[in-house]
PDB file of N, CA and C in Angstrom:
ATOM      1  N   MET A   1     -45.517  36.037  -5.728  1.00  0.00           N
ATOM      2  CA  MET A   1     -45.291  35.137  -6.824  1.00  0.00           C
ATOM      3  C   MET A   1     -43.799  34.879  -7.035  1.00  0.00           C
ATOM      4  N   LYS A   2     -42.967  35.849  -6.775  1.00  0.00           N
ATOM      5  CA  LYS A   2     -41.536  35.668  -6.951  1.00  0.00           C
ATOM      6  C   LYS A   2     -40.976  34.632  -5.974  1.00  0.00           C
ATOM      7  N   LEU A   3     -41.513  34.569  -4.763  1.00  0.00           N
ATOM      8  CA  LEU A   3     -41.051  33.616  -3.767  1.00  0.00           C
ATOM      9  C   LEU A   3     -41.335  32.187  -4.207  1.00  0.00           C
ATOM     10  N   ALA A   4     -42.497  31.950  -4.778  1.00  0.00           N
ATOM     11  CA  ALA A   4     -42.843  30.611  -5.273  1.00  0.00           C
ATOM     12  C   ALA A   4     -41.897  30.212  -6.408  1.00  0.00           C
ATOM     13  N   THR A   5     -41.590  31.134  -7.279  1.00  0.00           N
ATOM     14  CA  THR A   5     -40.658  30.862  -8.377  1.00  0.00           C
ATOM     15  C   THR A   5     -39.271  30.549  -7.836  1.00  0.00           C
ATOM     16  N   PHE A   6     -38.873  31.272  -6.815  1.00  0.00           N
ATOM     17  CA  PHE A   6     -37.563  31.039  -6.199  1.00  0.00           C
ATOM     18  C   PHE A   6     -37.467  29.629  -5.631  1.00  0.00           C
ATOM     19  N   PHE A   7     -38.492  29.197  -4.888  1.00  0.00           N
ATOM     20  CA  PHE A   7     -38.473  27.866  -4.292  1.00  0.00           C
ATOM     21  C   PHE A   7     -38.542  26.767  -5.348  1.00  0.00           C
ATOM     22  N   LYS A   8     -39.258  27.023  -6.441  1.00  0.00           N
ATOM     23  CA  LYS A   8     -39.304  26.048  -7.532  1.00  0.00           C
ATOM     24  C   LYS A   8     -37.932  25.907  -8.179  1.00  0.00           C
ATOM     25  N   SER A   9     -37.234  27.016  -8.335  1.00  0.00           N
ATOM     26  CA  SER A   9     -35.904  26.952  -8.956  1.00  0.00           C
ATOM     27  C   SER A   9     -34.913  26.232  -8.044  1.00  0.00           C
ATOM     28  N   ILE A  10     -35.043  26.396  -6.737  1.00  0.00           N
ATOM     29  CA  ILE A  10     -34.174  25.686  -5.801  1.00  0.00           C
ATOM     30  C   ILE A  10     -34.464  24.188  -5.868  1.00  0.00           C
ATOM     31  N   GLY A  11     -35.729  23.815  -5.919  1.00  0.00           N
ATOM     32  CA  GLY A  11     -36.111  22.413  -5.981  1.00  0.00           C
ATOM     33  C   GLY A  11     -35.671  21.750  -7.266  1.00  0.00           C
ATOM     34  N   ALA A  12     -35.593  22.486  -8.358  1.00  0.00           N
ATOM     35  CA  ALA A  12     -35.217  21.932  -9.648  1.00  0.00           C
ATOM     36  C   ALA A  12     -33.706  21.918  -9.857  1.00  0.00           C
ATOM     37  N   ASP A  13     -32.959  22.631  -9.030  1.00  0.00           N
ATOM     38  CA  ASP A  13     -31.501  22.722  -9.186  1.00  0.00           C
ATOM     39  C   ASP A  13     -30.848  21.390  -8.844  1.00  0.00           C
ATOM     40  N   GLN A  14     -30.065  20.837  -9.759  1.00  0.00           N
ATOM     41  CA  GLN A  14     -29.418  19.539  -9.573  1.00  0.00           C
ATOM     42  C   GLN A  14     -27.924  19.659  -9.251  1.00  0.00           C
ATOM     43  N   SER A  15     -27.384  20.858  -9.269  1.00  0.00           N
ATOM     44  CA  SER A  15     -25.935  21.011  -9.070  1.00  0.00           C
ATOM     45  C   SER A  15     -25.514  20.625  -7.657  1.00  0.00           C
ATOM     46  N   GLY A  16     -26.349  20.849  -6.676  1.00  0.00           N
ATOM     47  CA  GLY A  16     -26.013  20.465  -5.313  1.00  0.00           C
ATOM     48  C   GLY A  16     -25.952  18.949  -5.154  1.00  0.00           C
ATOM     49  N   ALA A  17     -26.825  18.242  -5.868  1.00  0.00           N
ATOM     50  CA  ALA A  17     -26.838  16.785  -5.797  1.00  0.00           C
ATOM     51  C   ALA A  17     -25.524  16.211  -6.327  1.00  0.00           C
ATOM     52  N   THR A  18     -25.003  16.799  -7.363  1.00  0.00           N
ATOM     53  CA  THR A  18     -23.733  16.332  -7.919  1.00  0.00           C
ATOM     54  C   THR A  18     -22.603  16.529  -6.915  1.00  0.00           C
ATOM     55  N   ALA A  19     -22.587  17.656  -6.244  1.00  0.00           N
ATOM     56  CA  ALA A  19     -21.553  17.914  -5.242  1.00  0.00           C
ATOM     57  C   ALA A  19     -21.655  16.910  -4.099  1.00  0.00           C
ATOM     58  N   VAL A  20     -22.855  16.566  -3.689  1.00  0.00           N
ATOM     59  CA  VAL A  20     -23.044  15.581  -2.624  1.00  0.00           C
ATOM     60  C   VAL A  20     -22.557  14.218  -3.083  1.00  0.00           C
ATOM     61  N   GLU A  21     -22.848  13.856  -4.316  1.00  0.00           N
ATOM     62  CA  GLU A  21     -22.397  12.568  -4.842  1.00  0.00           C
ATOM     63  C   GLU A  21     -20.868  12.505  -4.871  1.00  0.00           C
ATOM     64  N   TYR A  22     -20.231  13.560  -5.328  1.00  0.00           N
ATOM     65  CA  TYR A  22     -18.771  13.589  -5.338  1.00  0.00           C
ATOM     66  C   TYR A  22     -18.214  13.503  -3.915  1.00  0.00           C
ATOM     67  N   GLY A  23     -18.871  14.169  -2.983  1.00  0.00           N
ATOM     68  CA  GLY A  23     -18.437  14.098  -1.587  1.00  0.00           C
ATOM     69  C   GLY A  23     -18.532  12.688  -1.041  1.00  0.00           C
ATOM     70  N   LEU A  24     -19.597  11.970  -1.372  1.00  0.00           N
ATOM     71  CA  LEU A  24     -19.738  10.582  -0.927  1.00  0.00           C
ATOM     72  C   LEU A  24     -18.674   9.688  -1.553  1.00  0.00           C
ATOM     73  N   ILE A  25     -18.388   9.891  -2.823  1.00  0.00           N
ATOM     74  CA  ILE A  25     -17.350   9.097  -3.491  1.00  0.00           C
ATOM     75  C   ILE A  25     -15.997   9.343  -2.842  1.00  0.00           C
ATOM     76  N   VAL A  26     -15.671  10.593  -2.586  1.00  0.00           N
ATOM     77  CA  VAL A  26     -14.390  10.926  -1.952  1.00  0.00           C
ATOM     78  C   VAL A  26     -14.308  10.325  -0.554  1.00  0.00           C
ATOM     79  N   SER A  27     -15.399  10.375   0.190  1.00  0.00           N
ATOM     80  CA  SER A  27     -15.364   9.806   1.547  1.00  0.00           C
ATOM     81  C   SER A  27     -15.169   8.298   1.505  1.00  0.00           C
ATOM     82  N   LEU A  28     -15.758   7.614   0.549  1.00  0.00           N
ATOM     83  CA  LEU A  28     -15.542   6.166   0.421  1.00  0.00           C
ATOM     84  C   LEU A  28     -14.096   5.853   0.045  1.00  0.00           C
ATOM     85  N   ILE A  29     -13.513   6.664  -0.808  1.00  0.00           N
ATOM     86  CA  ILE A  29     -12.106   6.469  -1.180  1.00  0.00           C
ATOM     87  C   ILE A  29     -11.209   6.667   0.031  1.00  0.00           C
ATOM     88  N   VAL A  30     -11.488   7.686   0.834  1.00  0.00           N
ATOM     89  CA  VAL A  30     -10.687   7.947   2.036  1.00  0.00           C
ATOM     90  C   VAL A  30     -10.809   6.790   3.024  1.00  0.00           C
ATOM     91  N   ILE A  31     -12.011   6.271   3.202  1.00  0.00           N
ATOM     92  CA  ILE A  31     -12.204   5.137   4.114  1.00  0.00           C
ATOM     93  C   ILE A  31     -11.407   3.931   3.633  1.00  0.00           C
ATOM     94  N   ALA A  32     -11.421   3.665   2.332  1.00  0.00           N
ATOM     95  CA  ALA A  32     -10.648   2.550   1.781  1.00  0.00           C
ATOM     96  C   ALA A  32      -9.153   2.769   1.976  1.00  0.00           C
ATOM     97  N   MET A  33      -8.700   4.003   1.797  1.00  0.00           N
ATOM     98  CA  MET A  33      -7.274   4.300   1.972  1.00  0.00           C
ATOM     99  C   MET A  33      -6.847   4.102   3.418  1.00  0.00           C
ATOM    100  N   VAL A  34      -7.667   4.540   4.363  1.00  0.00           N
ATOM    101  CA  VAL A  34      -7.334   4.384   5.777  1.00  0.00           C
ATOM    102  C   VAL A  34      -7.240   2.900   6.131  1.00  0.00           C
ATOM    103  N   GLY A  35      -8.181   2.112   5.638  1.00  0.00           N
ATOM    104  CA  GLY A  35      -8.137   0.670   5.889  1.00  0.00           C
ATOM    105  C   GLY A  35      -6.892   0.029   5.316  1.00  0.00           C
ATOM    106  N   ALA A  36      -6.528   0.407   4.101  1.00  0.00           N
ATOM    107  CA  ALA A  36      -5.332  -0.148   3.475  1.00  0.00           C
ATOM    108  C   ALA A  36      -4.074   0.274   4.224  1.00  0.00           C
ATOM    109  N   LEU A  37      -4.011   1.527   4.642  1.00  0.00           N
ATOM    110  CA  LEU A  37      -2.825   2.007   5.357  1.00  0.00           C
ATOM    111  C   LEU A  37      -2.687   1.348   6.725  1.00  0.00           C
ATOM    112  N   GLN A  38      -3.809   1.032   7.363  1.00  0.00           N
ATOM    113  CA  GLN A  38      -3.735   0.316   8.640  1.00  0.00           C
ATOM    114  C   GLN A  38      -3.135  -1.069   8.434  1.00  0.00           C
ATOM    115  N   GLY A  39      -3.528  -1.740   7.371  1.00  0.00           N
ATOM    116  CA  GLY A  39      -2.962  -3.047   7.069  1.00  0.00           C
ATOM    117  C   GLY A  39      -1.466  -2.969   6.801  1.00  0.00           C
ATOM    118  N   VAL A  40      -1.055  -1.969   6.057  1.00  0.00           N
ATOM    119  CA  VAL A  40       0.368  -1.785   5.763  1.00  0.00           C
ATOM    120  C   VAL A  40       1.133  -1.461   7.041  1.00  0.00           C
ATOM    121  N   ALA A  41       0.557  -0.635   7.891  1.00  0.00           N
ATOM    122  CA  ALA A  41       1.222  -0.256   9.143  1.00  0.00           C
ATOM    123  C   ALA A  41       1.400  -1.464  10.054  1.00  0.00           C
ATOM    124  N   GLU A  42       0.391  -2.314  10.139  1.00  0.00           N
ATOM    125  CA  GLU A  42       0.498  -3.497  10.983  1.00  0.00           C
ATOM    126  C   GLU A  42       1.575  -4.445  10.456  1.00  0.00           C
ATOM    127  N   GLU A  43       1.618  -4.626   9.153  1.00  0.00           N
ATOM    128  CA  GLU A  43       2.640  -5.496   8.556  1.00  0.00           C
ATOM    129  C   GLU A  43       4.026  -4.898   8.757  1.00  0.00           C
ATOM    130  N   ASN A  44       4.163  -3.600   8.606  1.00  0.00           N
ATOM    131  CA  ASN A  44       5.443  -2.928   8.811  1.00  0.00           C
ATOM    132  C   ASN A  44       5.914  -3.091  10.255  1.00  0.00           C
ATOM    133  N   GLN A  45       4.999  -2.963  11.189  1.00  0.00           N
ATOM    134  CA  GLN A  45       5.336  -3.125  12.600  1.00  0.00           C
ATOM    135  C   GLN A  45       5.788  -4.565  12.875  1.00  0.00           C
ATOM    136  N   ARG A  46       5.126  -5.527  12.259  1.00  0.00           N
ATOM    137  CA  ARG A  46       5.507  -6.928  12.444  1.00  0.00           C
ATOM    138  C   ARG A  46       6.906  -7.188  11.885  1.00  0.00           C
ATOM    139  N   VAL A  47       7.192  -6.636  10.725  1.00  0.00           N
ATOM    140  CA  VAL A  47       8.516  -6.839  10.108  1.00  0.00           C
ATOM    141  C   VAL A  47       9.605  -6.261  11.002  1.00  0.00           C
ATOM    142  N   TRP A  48       9.417  -5.052  11.504  1.00  0.00           N
ATOM    143  CA  TRP A  48      10.444  -4.442  12.347  1.00  0.00           C
ATOM    144  C   TRP A  48      10.568  -5.156  13.690  1.00  0.00           C
ATOM    145  N   SER A  49       9.489  -5.715  14.168  1.00  0.00           N
ATOM    146  CA  SER A  49       9.552  -6.517  15.387  1.00  0.00           C
ATOM    147  C   SER A  49      10.383  -7.767  15.148  1.00  0.00           C
ATOM    148  N   ASP A  50      10.208  -8.400  13.996  1.00  0.00           N
ATOM    149  CA  ASP A  50      11.016  -9.570  13.636  1.00  0.00           C
ATOM    150  C   ASP A  50      12.494  -9.197  13.503  1.00  0.00           C
ATOM    151  N   VAL A  51      12.768  -8.039  12.925  1.00  0.00           N
ATOM    152  CA  VAL A  51      14.153  -7.576  12.782  1.00  0.00           C
ATOM    153  C   VAL A  51      14.769  -7.348  14.161  1.00  0.00           C
ATOM    154  N   LYS A  52      14.028  -6.728  15.052  1.00  0.00           N
ATOM    155  CA  LYS A  52      14.524  -6.474  16.403  1.00  0.00           C
ATOM    156  C   LYS A  52      14.816  -7.782  17.124  1.00  0.00           C
ATOM    157  N   THR A  53      13.895  -8.731  17.008  1.00  0.00           N
ATOM    158  CA  THR A  53      14.098 -10.044  17.655  1.00  0.00           C
ATOM    159  C   THR A  53      15.323 -10.733  17.092  1.00  0.00           C
ATOM    160  N   ALA A  54      15.490 -10.730  15.790  1.00  0.00           N
ATOM    161  CA  ALA A  54      16.646 -11.366  15.151  1.00  0.00           C
ATOM    162  C   ALA A  54      17.937 -10.684  15.587  1.00  0.00           C
ATOM    163  N   GLN A  55      17.931  -9.367  15.707  1.00  0.00           N
ATOM    164  CA  GLN A  55      19.124  -8.634  16.124  1.00  0.00           C
ATOM    165  C   GLN A  55      19.458  -8.954  17.560  1.00  0.00           C
ATOM    166  N   GLU A  56      18.444  -9.041  18.413  1.00  0.00           N
ATOM    167  CA  GLU A  56      18.698  -9.359  19.821  1.00  0.00           C
ATOM    168  C   GLU A  56      19.239 -10.771  19.986  1.00  0.00           C
ATOM    169  N   GLU A  57      18.731 -11.716  19.189  1.00  0.00           N
ATOM    170  CA  GLU A  57      19.219 -13.088  19.258  1.00  0.00           C
ATOM    171  C   GLU A  57      20.641 -13.196  18.726  1.00  0.00           C
ATOM    172  N   ALA A  58      20.959 -12.398  17.704  1.00  0.00           N
ATOM    173  CA  ALA A  58      22.300 -12.440  17.129  1.00  0.00           C
ATOM    174  C   ALA A  58      23.333 -11.803  18.056  1.00  0.00           C
ATOM    175  N   SER A  59      22.909 -10.862  18.889  1.00  0.00           N
ATOM    176  CA  SER A  59      23.865 -10.187  19.755  1.00  0.00           C
ATOM    177  C   SER A  59      24.123 -10.950  21.057  1.00  0.00           C
ATOM    178  N   ARG A  60      23.446 -12.057  21.299  1.00  0.00           N
ATOM    179  CA  ARG A  60      23.663 -12.838  22.518  1.00  0.00           C
ATOM    180  C   ARG A  60      24.879 -13.696  22.417  1.00  0.00           C
TER     181      ARG A  60
END
């Protein structure tokens, strides 16, 4: 009888569900951050490429 009570208490426990929900929220935030940082990195690379080109043209 104690085993059945144990499994019922595990099935009724909601604390694990909350941790999973928080984990999903954090993972979505991380995915959004990675996407945003990739955009910033590409723009930064383009700007420095333009600076390099301008410097090379000015030194000719």
